Amino acid sequence: MSDDSKSSAVDQWQEQYMAAVHQFGLALKTLNQTNPWPDLPLLPRAMNHLMTELWDHGFSQTGIREAFEEAVADMPRYAAGEEVRS
């Protein structure tokens, strides 16, 4: 496999990964906006279900926990001090 072929395969993999995450985010946004149970916030339940799906698909408890903790720790940098994206 040439370097260009490897690079193309890596680029395609990254595009698939980013598209999957983007679609998940869009789906949650729509579900959050149409949530028929305002006293049951969507996000905590969705994150719990995501965690169980990841575990069911072979990710370790440690790996899942560390990934969530790293993501939360990175929020201030990404959000630049804003609570909600406008």
N, C-alpha and C. Protein backbone atom coordinates (compact mmCIF):
# COMPACT_ATOMS: atom_id res chain seq x y z
N MET A 1 0.85 -1.18 0.00
CA MET A 1 0.00 0.00 0.00
C MET A 1 0.90 1.24 0.00
N SER A 2 0.63 2.15 -0.91
CA SER A 2 1.44 3.36 -1.00
C SER A 2 1.10 4.31 0.14
N ASP A 3 2.00 5.28 0.35
CA ASP A 3 1.75 6.28 1.39
C ASP A 3 0.47 7.06 1.09
N ASP A 4 0.21 7.34 -0.20
CA ASP A 4 -1.02 8.05 -0.57
C ASP A 4 -2.25 7.22 -0.26
N SER A 5 -2.18 5.91 -0.49
CA SER A 5 -3.31 5.02 -0.19
C SER A 5 -3.55 4.96 1.31
N LYS A 6 -2.46 4.87 2.08
CA LYS A 6 -2.60 4.84 3.54
C LYS A 6 -3.21 6.13 4.04
N SER A 7 -2.74 7.25 3.50
CA SER A 7 -3.25 8.55 3.90
C SER A 7 -4.73 8.68 3.55
N SER A 8 -5.11 8.21 2.37
CA SER A 8 -6.50 8.26 1.94
C SER A 8 -7.38 7.41 2.86
N ALA A 9 -6.91 6.23 3.21
CA ALA A 9 -7.68 5.35 4.10
C ALA A 9 -7.84 5.98 5.47
N VAL A 10 -6.78 6.60 5.97
CA VAL A 10 -6.84 7.27 7.27
C VAL A 10 -7.81 8.46 7.20
N ASP A 11 -7.74 9.22 6.11
CA ASP A 11 -8.65 10.35 5.94
C ASP A 11 -10.11 9.87 5.91
N GLN A 12 -10.37 8.78 5.19
CA GLN A 12 -11.73 8.25 5.12
C GLN A 12 -12.21 7.78 6.49
N TRP A 13 -11.32 7.12 7.24
CA TRP A 13 -11.68 6.67 8.58
C TRP A 13 -12.03 7.86 9.46
N GLN A 14 -11.20 8.91 9.39
CA GLN A 14 -11.45 10.10 10.21
C GLN A 14 -12.76 10.77 9.81
N GLU A 15 -13.05 10.83 8.53
CA GLU A 15 -14.31 11.42 8.07
C GLU A 15 -15.51 10.62 8.58
N GLN A 16 -15.41 9.29 8.58
CA GLN A 16 -16.49 8.45 9.09
C GLN A 16 -16.69 8.67 10.59
N TYR A 17 -15.60 8.73 11.32
CA TYR A 17 -15.66 8.95 12.77
C TYR A 17 -16.31 10.29 13.08
N MET A 18 -15.88 11.34 12.40
CA MET A 18 -16.43 12.68 12.64
C MET A 18 -17.90 12.75 12.24
N ALA A 19 -18.27 12.10 11.14
CA ALA A 19 -19.67 12.10 10.70
C ALA A 19 -20.56 11.37 11.71
N ALA A 20 -20.08 10.26 12.26
CA ALA A 20 -20.86 9.50 13.25
C ALA A 20 -21.10 10.35 14.49
N VAL A 21 -20.06 11.01 14.98
CA VAL A 21 -20.20 11.85 16.17
C VAL A 21 -21.12 13.04 15.88
N HIS A 22 -20.97 13.63 14.71
CA HIS A 22 -21.81 14.78 14.32
C HIS A 22 -23.28 14.36 14.25
N GLN A 23 -23.57 13.23 13.62
CA GLN A 23 -24.95 12.76 13.50
C GLN A 23 -25.55 12.45 14.87
N PHE A 24 -24.75 11.88 15.77
CA PHE A 24 -25.21 11.59 17.12
C PHE A 24 -25.58 12.90 17.82
N GLY A 25 -24.72 13.91 17.70
CA GLY A 25 -25.00 15.21 18.30
C GLY A 25 -26.26 15.85 17.74
N LEU A 26 -26.45 15.78 16.43
CA LEU A 26 -27.65 16.34 15.82
C LEU A 26 -28.91 15.61 16.28
N ALA A 27 -28.83 14.29 16.36
CA ALA A 27 -29.98 13.50 16.81
C ALA A 27 -30.35 13.86 18.25
N LEU A 28 -29.34 13.99 19.12
CA LEU A 28 -29.62 14.37 20.50
C LEU A 28 -30.21 15.77 20.59
N LYS A 29 -29.73 16.69 19.77
CA LYS A 29 -30.29 18.04 19.77
C LYS A 29 -31.78 18.01 19.43
N THR A 30 -32.13 17.28 18.38
CA THR A 30 -33.53 17.17 17.97
C THR A 30 -34.37 16.53 19.06
N LEU A 31 -33.86 15.43 19.63
CA LEU A 31 -34.60 14.76 20.70
C LEU A 31 -34.74 15.65 21.93
N ASN A 32 -33.71 16.41 22.24
CA ASN A 32 -33.78 17.33 23.38
C ASN A 32 -34.84 18.40 23.16
N GLN A 33 -34.92 18.91 21.93
CA GLN A 33 -35.89 19.97 21.63
C GLN A 33 -37.32 19.46 21.63
N THR A 34 -37.50 18.16 21.45
CA THR A 34 -38.84 17.58 21.39
C THR A 34 -39.15 16.67 22.58
N ASN A 35 -38.34 16.75 23.61
CA ASN A 35 -38.49 15.89 24.78
C ASN A 35 -39.87 16.09 25.42
N PRO A 36 -40.71 15.05 25.45
CA PRO A 36 -42.05 15.20 26.03
C PRO A 36 -42.05 15.15 27.56
N TRP A 37 -40.90 14.90 28.17
CA TRP A 37 -40.79 14.83 29.63
C TRP A 37 -39.78 15.86 30.13
N PRO A 38 -40.19 17.12 30.23
CA PRO A 38 -39.25 18.17 30.64
C PRO A 38 -38.65 17.94 32.03
N ASP A 39 -39.33 17.16 32.87
CA ASP A 39 -38.78 16.88 34.19
C ASP A 39 -37.73 15.76 34.16
N LEU A 40 -37.53 15.14 33.00
CA LEU A 40 -36.49 14.12 32.80
C LEU A 40 -35.54 14.60 31.71
N PRO A 41 -34.52 15.36 32.06
CA PRO A 41 -33.60 15.90 31.06
C PRO A 41 -32.97 14.79 30.21
N LEU A 42 -32.86 15.06 28.94
CA LEU A 42 -32.35 14.07 27.98
C LEU A 42 -30.86 13.77 28.18
N LEU A 43 -30.06 14.78 28.36
CA LEU A 43 -28.61 14.60 28.31
C LEU A 43 -28.08 13.59 29.32
N PRO A 44 -28.46 13.65 30.60
CA PRO A 44 -27.95 12.63 31.53
C PRO A 44 -28.34 11.21 31.13
N ARG A 45 -29.56 11.03 30.65
CA ARG A 45 -30.00 9.70 30.23
C ARG A 45 -29.26 9.26 28.98
N ALA A 46 -29.05 10.18 28.04
CA ALA A 46 -28.34 9.83 26.81
C ALA A 46 -26.88 9.45 27.10
N MET A 47 -26.23 10.20 27.99
CA MET A 47 -24.84 9.88 28.34
C MET A 47 -24.76 8.53 29.05
N ASN A 48 -25.76 8.23 29.89
CA ASN A 48 -25.78 6.93 30.55
C ASN A 48 -25.97 5.81 29.53
N HIS A 49 -26.88 6.00 28.60
CA HIS A 49 -27.09 4.98 27.57
C HIS A 49 -25.87 4.85 26.66
N LEU A 50 -25.22 5.96 26.34
CA LEU A 50 -24.00 5.90 25.55
C LEU A 50 -22.94 5.08 26.28
N MET A 51 -22.79 5.33 27.57
CA MET A 51 -21.81 4.60 28.37
C MET A 51 -22.11 3.11 28.34
N THR A 52 -23.39 2.73 28.50
CA THR A 52 -23.70 1.31 28.50
C THR A 52 -23.52 0.69 27.12
N GLU A 53 -23.82 1.44 26.07
CA GLU A 53 -23.59 0.94 24.71
C GLU A 53 -22.09 0.71 24.47
N LEU A 54 -21.28 1.66 24.90
CA LEU A 54 -19.83 1.50 24.73
C LEU A 54 -19.35 0.26 25.48
N TRP A 55 -19.81 0.08 26.71
CA TRP A 55 -19.41 -1.09 27.49
C TRP A 55 -19.89 -2.37 26.83
N ASP A 56 -21.14 -2.36 26.34
CA ASP A 56 -21.69 -3.54 25.66
C ASP A 56 -20.91 -3.89 24.39
N HIS A 57 -20.26 -2.90 23.79
CA HIS A 57 -19.50 -3.12 22.55
C HIS A 57 -18.00 -3.29 22.80
N GLY A 58 -17.65 -3.58 24.05
CA GLY A 58 -16.28 -4.01 24.33
C GLY A 58 -15.32 -2.97 24.85
N PHE A 59 -15.77 -1.74 25.05
CA PHE A 59 -14.88 -0.75 25.65
C PHE A 59 -14.80 -1.02 27.15
N SER A 60 -13.66 -0.76 27.75
CA SER A 60 -13.49 -1.03 29.17
C SER A 60 -14.10 0.07 30.03
N GLN A 61 -14.43 -0.29 31.27
CA GLN A 61 -14.92 0.71 32.21
C GLN A 61 -13.91 1.83 32.38
N THR A 62 -12.65 1.46 32.53
CA THR A 62 -11.59 2.45 32.70
C THR A 62 -11.49 3.36 31.48
N GLY A 63 -11.51 2.78 30.30
CA GLY A 63 -11.41 3.56 29.07
C GLY A 63 -12.58 4.53 28.92
N ILE A 64 -13.78 4.05 29.22
CA ILE A 64 -14.97 4.91 29.12
C ILE A 64 -14.88 6.05 30.13
N ARG A 65 -14.56 5.72 31.37
CA ARG A 65 -14.47 6.73 32.42
C ARG A 65 -13.42 7.78 32.07
N GLU A 66 -12.25 7.33 31.67
CA GLU A 66 -11.17 8.27 31.33
C GLU A 66 -11.56 9.14 30.14
N ALA A 67 -12.24 8.58 29.16
CA ALA A 67 -12.65 9.36 27.99
C ALA A 67 -13.66 10.45 28.40
N PHE A 68 -14.64 10.09 29.24
CA PHE A 68 -15.60 11.07 29.70
C PHE A 68 -14.91 12.16 30.53
N GLU A 69 -14.01 11.76 31.42
CA GLU A 69 -13.30 12.74 32.26
C GLU A 69 -12.44 13.66 31.41
N GLU A 70 -11.74 13.12 30.42
CA GLU A 70 -10.92 13.96 29.53
C GLU A 70 -11.79 14.93 28.74
N ALA A 71 -12.93 14.45 28.26
CA ALA A 71 -13.82 15.32 27.49
C ALA A 71 -14.35 16.46 28.35
N VAL A 72 -14.76 16.15 29.57
CA VAL A 72 -15.27 17.18 30.48
C VAL A 72 -14.16 18.18 30.83
N ALA A 73 -12.97 17.68 31.06
CA ALA A 73 -11.85 18.56 31.40
C ALA A 73 -11.50 19.50 30.25
N ASP A 74 -11.78 19.08 29.00
CA ASP A 74 -11.45 19.90 27.84
C ASP A 74 -12.54 20.92 27.49
N MET A 75 -13.71 20.80 28.10
CA MET A 75 -14.82 21.72 27.78
C MET A 75 -14.47 23.19 27.94
N PRO A 76 -13.82 23.61 29.03
CA PRO A 76 -13.54 25.05 29.16
C PRO A 76 -12.70 25.60 27.99
N ARG A 77 -11.75 24.83 27.52
CA ARG A 77 -10.94 25.29 26.38
C ARG A 77 -11.80 25.40 25.13
N TYR A 78 -12.59 24.38 24.87
CA TYR A 78 -13.41 24.36 23.66
C TYR A 78 -14.50 25.42 23.71
N ALA A 79 -15.14 25.57 24.86
CA ALA A 79 -16.27 26.48 24.99
C ALA A 79 -15.85 27.93 25.20
N ALA A 80 -14.58 28.15 25.46
CA ALA A 80 -14.03 29.51 25.63
C ALA A 80 -14.85 30.34 26.62
N GLY A 81 -15.24 29.72 27.73
CA GLY A 81 -15.95 30.44 28.78
C GLY A 81 -17.43 30.59 28.59
N GLU A 82 -17.97 30.17 27.45
CA GLU A 82 -19.40 30.28 27.19
C GLU A 82 -20.11 29.06 27.78
N GLU A 83 -21.28 29.27 28.37
CA GLU A 83 -22.07 28.15 28.91
C GLU A 83 -22.79 27.39 27.80
N VAL A 84 -23.30 28.12 26.80
CA VAL A 84 -24.05 27.52 25.69
C VAL A 84 -23.57 28.16 24.40
N ARG A 85 -23.45 27.34 23.37
CA ARG A 85 -23.07 27.89 22.04
C ARG A 85 -24.26 28.67 21.48
N SER A 86 -23.99 29.89 21.08
CA SER A 86 -25.09 30.70 20.53
C SER A 86 -25.17 30.58 19.03
